[in-house]
Every structure is written in C-alpha cells, then in structure tokens.
Amino acid sequence: MSTGNFQMTGPGINVRYATADDTLTVSGGGDSLSEDGKSFSGKEIARMKTAFGELLTVTLLESSRDGTAVRLAVLTPAAVLTEDGEHPITGVAILTRDRRHVVGGAPPVRHSYDTRPLTGQLWR
C-alpha cells in the first residue's frame, strides 16, 4: 500500500500530493487554509498506514495568538496502481484545533474536529 499522486477537493479545501517531489499542497479558505496554497514536503508530512488507508498529517499553524495549534490530516484509500490513468477516489480531511497549550491553561475539551469529505483522482 502506498500513496500515489492524487488531487482531491471538498468543501473549502483542495489537496494535492505529488510523489515525484513528495509534496502535499493544501489550499482553501479560512481555518488556516491559504487561498494561494501551502506546500509541505519530506519530514513536514507525518504518515501512518491504517486499516482504512494512509493518513497524511501536516501542521497548518504551530500556534495562534492564544496558543491553539491547527493540524490537517488527510485519509487516502489503499491502492495498488498497476495500470496507467486516473482512478476516482474518495477521502476525508480532518482539521484539528489543538487547545492543549492555550494561554491561561487548557480548557476541559482540548480538541475540536472539522471533517470534510473529499473526492478526486488518484494516479501513478
């Protein structure tokens, strides 16, 4: 199981991964998503293989003024690409607000999640 090249979109988010330069590019609006896009590569992308597919995680914002971190996890399906061409896929983007280190102390609920369904194409 390995991540191929993919392009997926969902409500307010566009995600593209290129294997050639190991780059994940994210764009959108709001929630620390730049309309112009932000790219991550190499060690900036945490990877975890799961029973559901591969989870790619990046930090969009290390710390806001109040100490909140914003992270993005993208779940992509497991695939064995033996033929050329594009293959339709679905995935999910999970935007996480991590409030464990906020100024003045962490609140009782320390994480919030914004999940967004993704659809797009996967290719070699």
C-alpha atoms as a PDB file:
ATOM      1  CA  MET A   1       0.000   0.000   0.000  1.00  0.00           C
ATOM      2  CA  SER A   2       1.406   3.362  -0.942  1.00  0.00           C
ATOM      3  CA  THR A   3       0.108   6.778  -1.732  1.00  0.00           C
ATOM      4  CA  GLY A   4       0.147   7.634  -5.401  1.00  0.00           C
ATOM      5  CA  ASN A   5      -0.322  11.073  -6.879  1.00  0.00           C
ATOM      6  CA  PHE A   6      -3.717  12.484  -6.024  1.00  0.00           C
ATOM      7  CA  GLN A   7      -5.895  15.562  -6.287  1.00  0.00           C
ATOM      8  CA  MET A   8      -8.994  15.816  -4.083  1.00  0.00           C
ATOM      9  CA  THR A   9     -11.424  18.585  -3.274  1.00  0.00           C
ATOM     10  CA  GLY A  10     -14.109  19.115  -0.682  1.00  0.00           C
ATOM     11  CA  PRO A  11     -15.989  21.961   0.996  1.00  0.00           C
ATOM     12  CA  GLY A  12     -13.498  24.835   1.267  1.00  0.00           C
ATOM     13  CA  ILE A  13     -10.405  22.674   0.696  1.00  0.00           C
ATOM     14  CA  ASN A  14      -8.210  21.394  -2.143  1.00  0.00           C
ATOM     15  CA  VAL A  15      -5.468  18.824  -1.534  1.00  0.00           C
ATOM     16  CA  ARG A  16      -2.833  17.611  -3.988  1.00  0.00           C
ATOM     17  CA  TYR A  17       0.002  15.152  -3.427  1.00  0.00           C
ATOM     18  CA  ALA A  18       2.885  14.624  -5.878  1.00  0.00           C
ATOM     19  CA  THR A  19       5.116  11.578  -5.407  1.00  0.00           C
ATOM     20  CA  ALA A  20       7.910  12.960  -7.614  1.00  0.00           C
ATOM     21  CA  ASP A  21       8.879  15.615  -5.064  1.00  0.00           C
ATOM     22  CA  ASP A  22       6.982  14.200  -2.065  1.00  0.00           C
ATOM     23  CA  THR A  23       4.891  17.373  -1.763  1.00  0.00           C
ATOM     24  CA  LEU A  24       1.451  17.846  -0.250  1.00  0.00           C
ATOM     25  CA  THR A  25      -0.180  21.126  -1.294  1.00  0.00           C
ATOM     26  CA  VAL A  26      -3.257  22.406   0.532  1.00  0.00           C
ATOM     27  CA  SER A  27      -5.423  25.383  -0.372  1.00  0.00           C
ATOM     28  CA  GLY A  28      -8.835  26.698   0.550  1.00  0.00           C
ATOM     29  CA  GLY A  29     -10.387  29.430   2.601  1.00  0.00           C
ATOM     30  CA  GLY A  30     -10.498  30.031   6.358  1.00  0.00           C
ATOM     31  CA  ASP A  31      -9.400  27.615   9.103  1.00  0.00           C
ATOM     32  CA  SER A  32      -5.709  28.412   8.453  1.00  0.00           C
ATOM     33  CA  LEU A  33      -6.114  27.328   4.809  1.00  0.00           C
ATOM     34  CA  SER A  34      -4.481  29.755   2.391  1.00  0.00           C
ATOM     35  CA  GLU A  35      -6.279  30.512  -0.870  1.00  0.00           C
ATOM     36  CA  ASP A  36      -2.858  30.593  -2.559  1.00  0.00           C
ATOM     37  CA  GLY A  37      -1.959  27.218  -1.113  1.00  0.00           C
ATOM     38  CA  LYS A  38       0.758  25.992   1.194  1.00  0.00           C
ATOM     39  CA  SER A  39       3.114  23.132   0.396  1.00  0.00           C
ATOM     40  CA  PHE A  40       4.652  20.576   2.741  1.00  0.00           C
ATOM     41  CA  SER A  41       7.320  18.013   1.921  1.00  0.00           C
ATOM     42  CA  GLY A  42       9.537  15.342   3.424  1.00  0.00           C
ATOM     43  CA  LYS A  43       9.584  15.330   7.221  1.00  0.00           C
ATOM     44  CA  GLU A  44       6.863  18.000   7.372  1.00  0.00           C
ATOM     45  CA  ILE A  45       4.415  15.238   6.390  1.00  0.00           C
ATOM     46  CA  ALA A  46       3.709  12.615   9.044  1.00  0.00           C
ATOM     47  CA  ARG A  47       2.479   9.315   7.590  1.00  0.00           C
ATOM     48  CA  MET A  48       0.616   6.469   9.197  1.00  0.00           C
ATOM     49  CA  LYS A  49      -0.700   3.375   7.469  1.00  0.00           C
ATOM     50  CA  THR A  50      -4.025   2.267   8.933  1.00  0.00           C
ATOM     51  CA  ALA A  51      -6.668  -0.344   8.159  1.00  0.00           C
ATOM     52  CA  PHE A  52      -8.601   2.497   6.491  1.00  0.00           C
ATOM     53  CA  GLY A  53      -5.800   3.747   4.222  1.00  0.00           C
ATOM     54  CA  GLU A  54      -2.872   6.092   4.665  1.00  0.00           C
ATOM     55  CA  LEU A  55      -3.142   9.128   6.919  1.00  0.00           C
ATOM     56  CA  LEU A  56      -1.027  12.137   5.940  1.00  0.00           C
ATOM     57  CA  THR A  57      -0.763  14.839   8.624  1.00  0.00           C
ATOM     58  CA  VAL A  58       0.697  18.365   8.485  1.00  0.00           C
ATOM     59  CA  THR A  59       0.705  21.338  10.833  1.00  0.00           C
ATOM     60  CA  LEU A  60      -1.031  24.333   9.265  1.00  0.00           C
ATOM     61  CA  LEU A  61      -0.435  26.639  12.235  1.00  0.00           C
ATOM     62  CA  GLU A  62       2.017  25.831  15.020  1.00  0.00           C
ATOM     63  CA  SER A  63       0.442  28.281  17.457  1.00  0.00           C
ATOM     64  CA  SER A  64      -2.099  31.091  17.195  1.00  0.00           C
ATOM     65  CA  ARG A  65      -2.003  34.100  19.497  1.00  0.00           C
ATOM     66  CA  ASP A  66      -3.858  32.150  22.165  1.00  0.00           C
ATOM     67  CA  GLY A  67      -1.697  29.036  21.766  1.00  0.00           C
ATOM     68  CA  THR A  68      -4.039  26.963  19.577  1.00  0.00           C
ATOM     69  CA  ALA A  69      -2.367  24.702  17.004  1.00  0.00           C
ATOM     70  CA  VAL A  70      -4.148  23.778  13.751  1.00  0.00           C
ATOM     71  CA  ARG A  71      -3.377  20.471  12.048  1.00  0.00           C
ATOM     72  CA  LEU A  72      -4.690  18.781   8.923  1.00  0.00           C
ATOM     73  CA  ALA A  73      -4.975  15.038   8.441  1.00  0.00           C
ATOM     74  CA  VAL A  74      -5.901  13.618   5.041  1.00  0.00           C
ATOM     75  CA  LEU A  75      -7.040   9.996   4.827  1.00  0.00           C
ATOM     76  CA  THR A  76      -6.386   8.413   1.433  1.00  0.00           C
ATOM     77  CA  PRO A  77      -7.503   4.948   0.333  1.00  0.00           C
ATOM     78  CA  ALA A  78      -5.152   2.000   0.000  1.00  0.00           C
ATOM     79  CA  ALA A  79      -4.398   1.399  -3.668  1.00  0.00           C
ATOM     80  CA  VAL A  80      -2.311  -0.830  -5.889  1.00  0.00           C
ATOM     81  CA  LEU A  81      -1.793   1.095  -9.103  1.00  0.00           C
ATOM     82  CA  THR A  82      -0.983  -1.437 -11.820  1.00  0.00           C
ATOM     83  CA  GLU A  83      -2.413   0.465 -14.755  1.00  0.00           C
ATOM     84  CA  ASP A  84      -1.977   3.963 -16.096  1.00  0.00           C
ATOM     85  CA  GLY A  85      -4.711   6.529 -15.994  1.00  0.00           C
ATOM     86  CA  GLU A  86      -6.701   8.272 -13.317  1.00  0.00           C
ATOM     87  CA  HIS A  87      -8.829   6.405 -10.813  1.00  0.00           C
ATOM     88  CA  PRO A  88     -11.694   8.036  -8.908  1.00  0.00           C
ATOM     89  CA  ILE A  89     -11.204   8.128  -5.127  1.00  0.00           C
ATOM     90  CA  THR A  90     -12.817   9.460  -2.007  1.00  0.00           C
ATOM     91  CA  GLY A  91     -11.077  10.554   1.161  1.00  0.00           C
ATOM     92  CA  VAL A  92     -11.560  12.756   4.177  1.00  0.00           C
ATOM     93  CA  ALA A  93      -9.844  15.873   5.511  1.00  0.00           C
ATOM     94  CA  ILE A  94      -9.799  16.398   9.267  1.00  0.00           C
ATOM     95  CA  LEU A  95      -8.909  19.868  10.529  1.00  0.00           C
ATOM     96  CA  THR A  96      -7.986  19.710  14.205  1.00  0.00           C
ATOM     97  CA  ARG A  97      -7.748  22.602  16.640  1.00  0.00           C
ATOM     98  CA  ASP A  98      -5.448  21.560  19.473  1.00  0.00           C
ATOM     99  CA  ARG A  99      -6.008  23.675  22.579  1.00  0.00           C
ATOM    100  CA  ARG A 100      -3.733  21.780  24.990  1.00  0.00           C
ATOM    101  CA  HIS A 101      -1.293  24.696  25.213  1.00  0.00           C
ATOM    102  CA  VAL A 102      -3.546  27.761  25.178  1.00  0.00           C
ATOM    103  CA  VAL A 103      -2.570  30.840  27.125  1.00  0.00           C
ATOM    104  CA  GLY A 104      -4.152  30.733  30.580  1.00  0.00           C
ATOM    105  CA  GLY A 105      -4.446  26.937  30.661  1.00  0.00           C
ATOM    106  CA  ALA A 106      -6.111  24.257  28.586  1.00  0.00           C
ATOM    107  CA  PRO A 107      -9.926  24.071  28.561  1.00  0.00           C
ATOM    108  CA  PRO A 108     -11.705  20.835  29.580  1.00  0.00           C
ATOM    109  CA  VAL A 109     -12.252  19.868  25.897  1.00  0.00           C
ATOM    110  CA  ARG A 110      -8.853  20.166  24.283  1.00  0.00           C
ATOM    111  CA  HIS A 111      -9.505  19.217  20.654  1.00  0.00           C
ATOM    112  CA  SER A 112     -12.160  20.075  18.110  1.00  0.00           C
ATOM    113  CA  TYR A 113     -12.529  18.481  14.691  1.00  0.00           C
ATOM    114  CA  ASP A 114     -13.875  19.733  11.375  1.00  0.00           C
ATOM    115  CA  THR A 115     -14.272  16.813   8.953  1.00  0.00           C
ATOM    116  CA  ARG A 116     -14.712  17.370   5.230  1.00  0.00           C
ATOM    117  CA  PRO A 117     -15.453  14.701   2.627  1.00  0.00           C
ATOM    118  CA  LEU A 118     -13.098  14.674  -0.355  1.00  0.00           C
ATOM    119  CA  THR A 119     -13.459  13.376  -3.908  1.00  0.00           C
ATOM    120  CA  GLY A 120     -10.916  13.301  -6.676  1.00  0.00           C
ATOM    121  CA  GLN A 121      -8.472  11.305  -8.726  1.00  0.00           C
ATOM    122  CA  LEU A 122      -5.502   9.030  -7.972  1.00  0.00           C
ATOM    123  CA  TRP A 123      -2.776   8.136 -10.476  1.00  0.00           C
ATOM    124  CA  ARG A 124       0.763   6.706 -10.638  1.00  0.00           C
END
